[in-house]
Amino acid sequence: MQLKAKLLLLGAACAALIAAYLWIDLGAEWRYALERRTLKVLAVLLTGSSVAFATVVFQTITHNRILTPSIIGMDSLYNLIQTSVVFFFGATNALWVNEKVHFAVSAGLMILFAGLLYRALFRREKFNLYFVILVGLIMGVFFQSFASFMEMLIDPNEFLVAQGRMFGSFNNVRTGLLAVAFAASGLVALYFYPAASYLDVLALGRDHAISLGVNYVAVVRRLWVAISGLVAISTALVGPVTFLGLLVANLAYELLKTHRHAVLIPGAMLVSVALLTAALIAVERVFAFNTTVSVIVNFAGSFYFIYVVLKESQA
């Protein structure tokens, strides 16, 4: 099957799932229900597209299909930020109550951390991939351990408030946050655009890219900023969904069977949106809101991660 046909099928599947979610069982108060569902769908579109894009590009520059941007500890940092705000300032402070301030602080700190990590690990002409993974894992464990320490000392009622934002959820998305997130993502996309044409060359490896005339350091720097920006924005909007990127990127590789990023990235975005929409339907229709989207996605993604690791070890 041709690549365009596969993309059209994925697009049709996304449209069908979104239509099913929007219109099934609206009830008497259909205007209110449709408005709330539309906000969730917009959040799914932004989060799914951002995570899929960031993961495919991250795997391209690291040349490894079992890595995601979460390896550098951004999800753990997000959880630490939530715990720290409640621990030091309380759940009634503007840093927590004001959603736009909270979004800006969470996203800004994650982008700052990613920038500092870039300067520390990528400033040399050559960098060791395993060193990047090691530092990312260590920082993630440190952030999570520090957050757990504060969770033991925090007031139980405030801990429950903080815990509500530590899992990816689309139930409390606000219109104002969506507008800010879409605007920020648009700026990141504009910043990324000049480097888009280099992705296929970067997939060949650092040495090949340089021999073909690519300014490797400058391009990777631009891509790193775009990756960290999109991950920070999507995580600050709905919370961490750790295994989503790994799952959708590898499904896109399997379905599309191509190395062209002009096809891979849209394909991964469509897979991501379809998966999140299906998970959203399951949360509301099957589990009656007794779980969250991130729990379902991480459950499926963890099994798929094991499958991918075993497959790569036998290759």
Protein backbone atom coordinates (compact mmCIF):
# COMPACT_ATOMS: atom_id res chain seq x y z
CA MET A 1 0.00 0.00 0.00
CA GLN A 2 1.30 3.45 -0.88
CA LEU A 3 2.37 5.80 1.89
CA LYS A 4 -0.26 8.40 1.02
CA ALA A 5 -2.97 5.76 1.25
CA LYS A 6 -1.70 4.66 4.66
CA LEU A 7 -1.71 8.24 5.91
CA LEU A 8 -5.24 8.72 4.59
CA LEU A 9 -6.37 5.57 6.42
CA LEU A 10 -4.77 6.78 9.64
CA GLY A 11 -6.43 10.16 9.17
CA ALA A 12 -9.79 8.50 8.59
CA ALA A 13 -9.34 6.39 11.73
CA CYS A 14 -8.55 9.53 13.76
CA ALA A 15 -11.58 11.33 12.36
CA ALA A 16 -13.86 8.37 13.11
CA LEU A 17 -12.63 8.05 16.70
CA ILE A 18 -12.94 11.79 17.32
CA ALA A 19 -16.45 11.85 15.84
CA ALA A 20 -17.46 8.86 17.97
CA TYR A 21 -16.12 10.53 21.12
CA LEU A 22 -17.81 13.85 20.36
CA TRP A 23 -21.26 12.59 19.44
CA ILE A 24 -21.95 9.31 21.25
CA ASP A 25 -24.47 9.66 24.10
CA LEU A 26 -24.49 13.45 24.35
CA GLY A 27 -27.67 13.52 26.46
CA ALA A 28 -30.12 16.34 27.07
CA GLU A 29 -27.43 18.91 27.93
CA TRP A 30 -25.72 18.30 24.62
CA ARG A 31 -24.35 21.83 24.20
CA TYR A 32 -22.43 21.69 27.47
CA ALA A 33 -21.27 18.12 26.85
CA LEU A 34 -20.14 18.93 23.31
CA GLU A 35 -18.21 21.99 24.52
CA ARG A 36 -16.39 19.98 27.20
CA ARG A 37 -15.58 17.17 24.79
CA THR A 38 -14.31 19.60 22.17
CA LEU A 39 -11.84 21.04 24.69
CA LYS A 40 -10.59 17.53 25.45
CA VAL A 41 -10.22 16.73 21.76
CA LEU A 42 -8.20 19.91 21.22
CA ALA A 43 -5.97 18.90 24.14
CA VAL A 44 -5.58 15.43 22.62
CA LEU A 45 -4.62 16.94 19.25
CA LEU A 46 -1.98 19.18 20.83
CA THR A 47 -0.56 16.61 23.25
CA GLY A 48 -0.59 13.70 20.82
CA SER A 49 1.02 15.67 18.02
CA SER A 50 3.66 17.25 20.27
CA VAL A 51 4.73 14.01 21.94
CA ALA A 52 4.82 12.08 18.65
CA PHE A 53 6.86 14.77 16.90
CA ALA A 54 9.30 15.15 19.80
CA THR A 55 9.85 11.39 20.08
CA VAL A 56 10.49 10.76 16.39
CA VAL A 57 12.96 13.66 16.20
CA PHE A 58 14.65 12.63 19.47
CA GLN A 59 15.09 9.08 18.19
CA THR A 60 16.54 10.48 14.96
CA ILE A 61 19.25 12.52 16.65
CA THR A 62 20.07 9.72 19.14
CA HIS A 63 19.78 6.93 16.52
CA ASN A 64 17.87 4.72 18.94
CA ARG A 65 14.22 3.64 18.68
CA ILE A 66 13.74 2.69 22.34
CA LEU A 67 14.51 6.17 23.70
CA THR A 68 12.06 9.00 24.31
CA PRO A 69 12.56 12.56 25.61
CA SER A 70 11.36 11.36 29.03
CA ILE A 71 14.74 9.61 29.40
CA ILE A 72 16.30 12.94 30.37
CA GLY A 73 14.02 13.20 33.41
CA MET A 74 11.47 15.81 32.33
CA ASP A 75 8.49 13.81 33.64
CA SER A 76 10.18 13.39 37.02
CA LEU A 77 11.02 17.09 37.04
CA TYR A 78 7.37 17.92 36.38
CA ASN A 79 6.30 15.82 39.37
CA LEU A 80 8.95 17.49 41.50
CA ILE A 81 7.65 20.92 40.48
CA GLN A 82 4.09 20.00 41.48
CA THR A 83 5.20 18.69 44.86
CA SER A 84 7.54 21.63 45.50
CA VAL A 85 4.89 24.27 44.77
CA VAL A 86 2.45 22.70 47.23
CA PHE A 87 5.17 21.94 49.79
CA PHE A 88 6.72 25.41 49.90
CA PHE A 89 3.80 27.68 48.95
CA GLY A 90 0.63 25.67 49.66
CA ALA A 91 -2.30 24.69 47.47
CA THR A 92 -3.90 28.16 47.78
CA ASN A 93 -0.93 30.10 46.36
CA ALA A 94 -1.22 31.78 42.96
CA LEU A 95 1.52 29.48 41.65
CA TRP A 96 -0.97 26.64 42.06
CA VAL A 97 -4.39 28.25 41.76
CA ASN A 98 -3.69 30.52 38.77
CA GLU A 99 -3.59 28.04 35.90
CA LYS A 100 -1.69 30.25 33.47
CA VAL A 101 0.99 31.05 36.06
CA HIS A 102 1.26 27.38 36.98
CA PHE A 103 1.52 26.40 33.31
CA ALA A 104 4.20 29.02 32.62
CA VAL A 105 6.28 28.03 35.66
CA SER A 106 6.07 24.28 34.95
CA ALA A 107 6.86 24.59 31.23
CA GLY A 108 9.54 27.23 31.79
CA LEU A 109 11.44 25.19 34.38
CA MET A 110 11.36 22.07 32.20
CA ILE A 111 12.68 23.98 29.18
CA LEU A 112 15.37 25.57 31.36
CA PHE A 113 16.46 22.15 32.63
CA ALA A 114 16.61 20.73 29.09
CA GLY A 115 18.68 23.73 27.99
CA LEU A 116 21.16 23.29 30.83
CA LEU A 117 21.40 19.58 30.09
CA TYR A 118 22.12 20.35 26.44
CA ARG A 119 24.94 22.72 27.35
CA ALA A 120 26.43 20.11 29.67
CA LEU A 121 26.19 17.12 27.32
CA PHE A 122 26.26 18.40 23.73
CA ARG A 123 28.80 21.18 23.87
CA ARG A 124 31.61 18.86 22.83
CA GLU A 125 32.24 17.88 19.23
CA LYS A 126 31.36 14.29 20.05
CA PHE A 127 29.12 13.03 22.80
CA ASN A 128 28.59 9.57 24.23
CA LEU A 129 25.00 8.41 23.90
CA TYR A 130 25.28 6.14 26.92
CA PHE A 131 26.54 9.07 28.97
CA VAL A 132 23.43 11.04 27.96
CA ILE A 133 21.20 8.16 29.02
CA LEU A 134 23.07 7.71 32.29
CA VAL A 135 22.86 11.40 33.23
CA GLY A 136 19.18 11.52 32.28
CA LEU A 137 18.37 8.46 34.38
CA ILE A 138 20.34 9.80 37.35
CA MET A 139 18.59 13.18 37.18
CA GLY A 140 15.20 11.49 36.84
CA VAL A 141 15.85 9.32 39.90
CA PHE A 142 17.10 12.35 41.83
CA PHE A 143 14.02 14.42 40.98
CA GLN A 144 11.66 11.57 41.82
CA SER A 145 13.45 10.78 45.10
CA PHE A 146 13.38 14.41 46.18
CA ALA A 147 9.69 14.64 45.30
CA SER A 148 8.97 11.44 47.29
CA PHE A 149 10.84 12.88 50.29
CA MET A 150 8.67 16.01 50.26
CA GLU A 151 5.53 13.92 49.77
CA MET A 152 6.29 12.17 53.08
CA LEU A 153 6.46 15.52 54.90
CA ILE A 154 3.60 17.32 53.19
CA ASP A 155 0.10 17.63 54.61
CA PRO A 156 -1.96 14.61 53.40
CA ASN A 157 -4.76 16.80 52.09
CA GLU A 158 -2.37 18.95 50.06
CA PHE A 159 -0.60 15.83 48.84
CA LEU A 160 -3.88 14.61 47.34
CA VAL A 161 -4.23 17.96 45.57
CA ALA A 162 -0.70 17.69 44.15
CA GLN A 163 -1.16 14.06 43.18
CA GLY A 164 -4.05 14.98 40.92
CA ARG A 165 -1.64 16.69 38.53
CA MET A 166 0.99 13.95 38.50
CA PHE A 167 -0.93 11.75 36.05
CA GLY A 168 -1.82 12.63 32.49
CA SER A 169 -5.47 13.64 32.42
CA PHE A 170 -7.70 15.54 29.99
CA ASN A 171 -10.57 16.15 32.40
CA ASN A 172 -9.61 19.62 33.65
CA VAL A 173 -8.34 21.35 30.51
CA ARG A 174 -9.29 25.05 30.35
CA THR A 175 -9.85 27.19 27.25
CA GLY A 176 -7.28 29.76 28.36
CA LEU A 177 -4.56 27.14 28.80
CA LEU A 178 -5.33 25.64 25.39
CA ALA A 179 -4.95 29.02 23.71
CA VAL A 180 -1.60 29.62 25.43
CA ALA A 181 -0.39 26.09 24.66
CA PHE A 182 -1.34 26.29 20.98
CA ALA A 183 0.34 29.69 20.66
CA ALA A 184 3.53 28.42 22.33
CA SER A 185 3.54 25.29 20.17
CA GLY A 186 3.14 27.42 17.06
CA LEU A 187 6.22 29.45 18.01
CA VAL A 188 8.17 26.23 18.56
CA ALA A 189 7.04 24.94 15.15
CA LEU A 190 8.25 28.15 13.48
CA TYR A 191 11.60 27.80 15.25
CA PHE A 192 11.89 24.16 14.15
CA TYR A 193 10.93 24.68 10.50
CA PRO A 194 14.40 25.66 9.14
CA ALA A 195 15.81 22.36 10.44
CA ALA A 196 13.03 20.15 9.04
CA SER A 197 14.83 19.44 5.77
CA TYR A 198 17.86 18.01 7.60
CA LEU A 199 16.09 15.20 9.46
CA ASP A 200 16.53 12.53 6.78
CA VAL A 201 20.23 13.36 6.55
CA LEU A 202 20.68 13.33 10.34
CA ALA A 203 19.22 9.82 10.40
CA LEU A 204 22.30 8.67 8.45
CA GLY A 205 24.54 9.54 11.40
CA ARG A 206 26.69 12.43 12.54
CA ASP A 207 29.66 11.77 10.26
CA HIS A 208 27.53 11.32 7.14
CA ALA A 209 25.52 14.46 7.93
CA ILE A 210 28.68 16.55 8.33
CA SER A 211 30.18 15.15 5.12
CA LEU A 212 27.01 16.17 3.29
CA GLY A 213 27.40 19.76 4.46
CA VAL A 214 25.07 19.86 7.48
CA ASN A 215 26.04 22.21 10.32
CA TYR A 216 25.49 19.38 12.78
CA VAL A 217 25.87 21.26 16.07
CA ALA A 218 23.58 24.13 15.05
CA VAL A 219 20.88 21.82 13.66
CA VAL A 220 20.90 19.50 16.67
CA ARG A 221 20.72 22.52 18.98
CA ARG A 222 17.64 23.79 17.15
CA LEU A 223 16.02 20.34 17.24
CA TRP A 224 16.79 19.95 20.94
CA VAL A 225 15.07 23.26 21.72
CA ALA A 226 12.02 22.20 19.69
CA ILE A 227 11.86 18.79 21.41
CA SER A 228 12.18 20.19 24.92
CA GLY A 229 9.70 22.97 24.18
CA LEU A 230 6.97 20.67 22.87
CA VAL A 231 7.43 18.10 25.64
CA ALA A 232 7.33 20.82 28.29
CA ILE A 233 4.20 22.41 26.83
CA SER A 234 2.27 19.14 26.49
CA THR A 235 3.33 17.92 29.95
CA ALA A 236 2.44 21.22 31.63
CA LEU A 237 -0.97 21.12 29.90
CA VAL A 238 -2.19 17.61 30.75
CA GLY A 239 0.54 15.94 32.82
CA PRO A 240 3.10 13.24 31.95
CA VAL A 241 2.21 10.33 29.66
CA THR A 242 5.54 8.54 29.80
CA PHE A 243 5.22 5.69 27.30
CA LEU A 244 3.09 7.49 24.71
CA GLY A 245 6.00 8.62 22.55
CA LEU A 246 7.70 5.23 22.48
CA LEU A 247 4.44 3.50 21.60
CA VAL A 248 3.29 5.78 18.77
CA ALA A 249 6.71 6.29 17.19
CA ASN A 250 7.41 2.57 16.90
CA LEU A 251 3.88 1.87 15.68
CA ALA A 252 4.45 4.48 12.97
CA TYR A 253 7.71 2.79 11.96
CA GLU A 254 5.94 -0.57 11.73
CA LEU A 255 2.92 0.72 9.82
CA LEU A 256 4.65 3.02 7.34
CA LYS A 257 7.91 1.12 6.69
CA THR A 258 9.79 4.24 5.63
CA HIS A 259 12.64 6.45 6.84
CA ARG A 260 11.23 9.65 5.31
CA HIS A 261 10.41 12.08 8.11
CA ALA A 262 7.92 13.93 5.92
CA VAL A 263 5.81 10.78 6.23
CA LEU A 264 6.93 9.40 9.60
CA ILE A 265 6.15 12.51 11.64
CA PRO A 266 2.57 13.03 10.35
CA GLY A 267 1.99 9.27 10.65
CA ALA A 268 3.20 9.20 14.26
CA MET A 269 1.01 12.22 15.04
CA LEU A 270 -2.07 10.50 13.62
CA VAL A 271 -1.31 7.28 15.52
CA SER A 272 -0.86 9.29 18.71
CA VAL A 273 -4.13 11.18 18.34
CA ALA A 274 -6.01 7.98 17.52
CA LEU A 275 -4.54 6.17 20.52
CA LEU A 276 -5.27 9.00 22.95
CA THR A 277 -8.83 9.36 21.66
CA ALA A 278 -9.42 5.62 22.03
CA ALA A 279 -7.99 5.78 25.57
CA LEU A 280 -10.27 8.74 26.33
CA ILE A 281 -13.30 6.77 25.15
CA ALA A 282 -12.22 3.81 27.30
CA VAL A 283 -11.79 6.02 30.38
CA GLU A 284 -15.28 7.48 30.07
CA ARG A 285 -17.28 4.58 28.59
CA VAL A 286 -15.58 1.46 29.94
CA PHE A 287 -13.94 2.50 33.22
CA ALA A 288 -16.46 5.22 34.18
CA PHE A 289 -13.72 7.75 35.05
CA ASN A 290 -12.14 5.36 37.57
CA THR A 291 -8.77 5.66 35.86
CA THR A 292 -6.87 8.15 33.71
CA VAL A 293 -5.63 8.21 30.12
CA SER A 294 -1.99 8.03 31.24
CA VAL A 295 -2.62 4.81 33.19
CA ILE A 296 -4.09 3.10 30.12
CA VAL A 297 -1.40 4.38 27.74
CA ASN A 298 1.46 3.58 30.13
CA PHE A 299 0.05 0.09 30.74
CA ALA A 300 -0.04 -0.65 27.01
CA GLY A 301 3.23 1.17 26.38
CA SER A 302 5.15 -0.76 29.04
CA PHE A 303 4.30 -4.07 27.39
CA TYR A 304 5.18 -2.67 23.98
CA PHE A 305 8.47 -1.36 25.37
CA ILE A 306 9.39 -4.88 26.54
CA TYR A 307 8.48 -6.21 23.09
CA VAL A 308 10.63 -3.59 21.32
CA VAL A 309 13.61 -4.25 23.62
CA LEU A 310 13.40 -8.01 23.06
CA LYS A 311 13.04 -7.48 19.33
CA GLU A 312 16.06 -5.15 19.18
CA SER A 313 18.18 -7.58 21.23
CA GLN A 314 17.47 -10.38 18.74
CA ALA A 315 18.18 -8.25 15.65
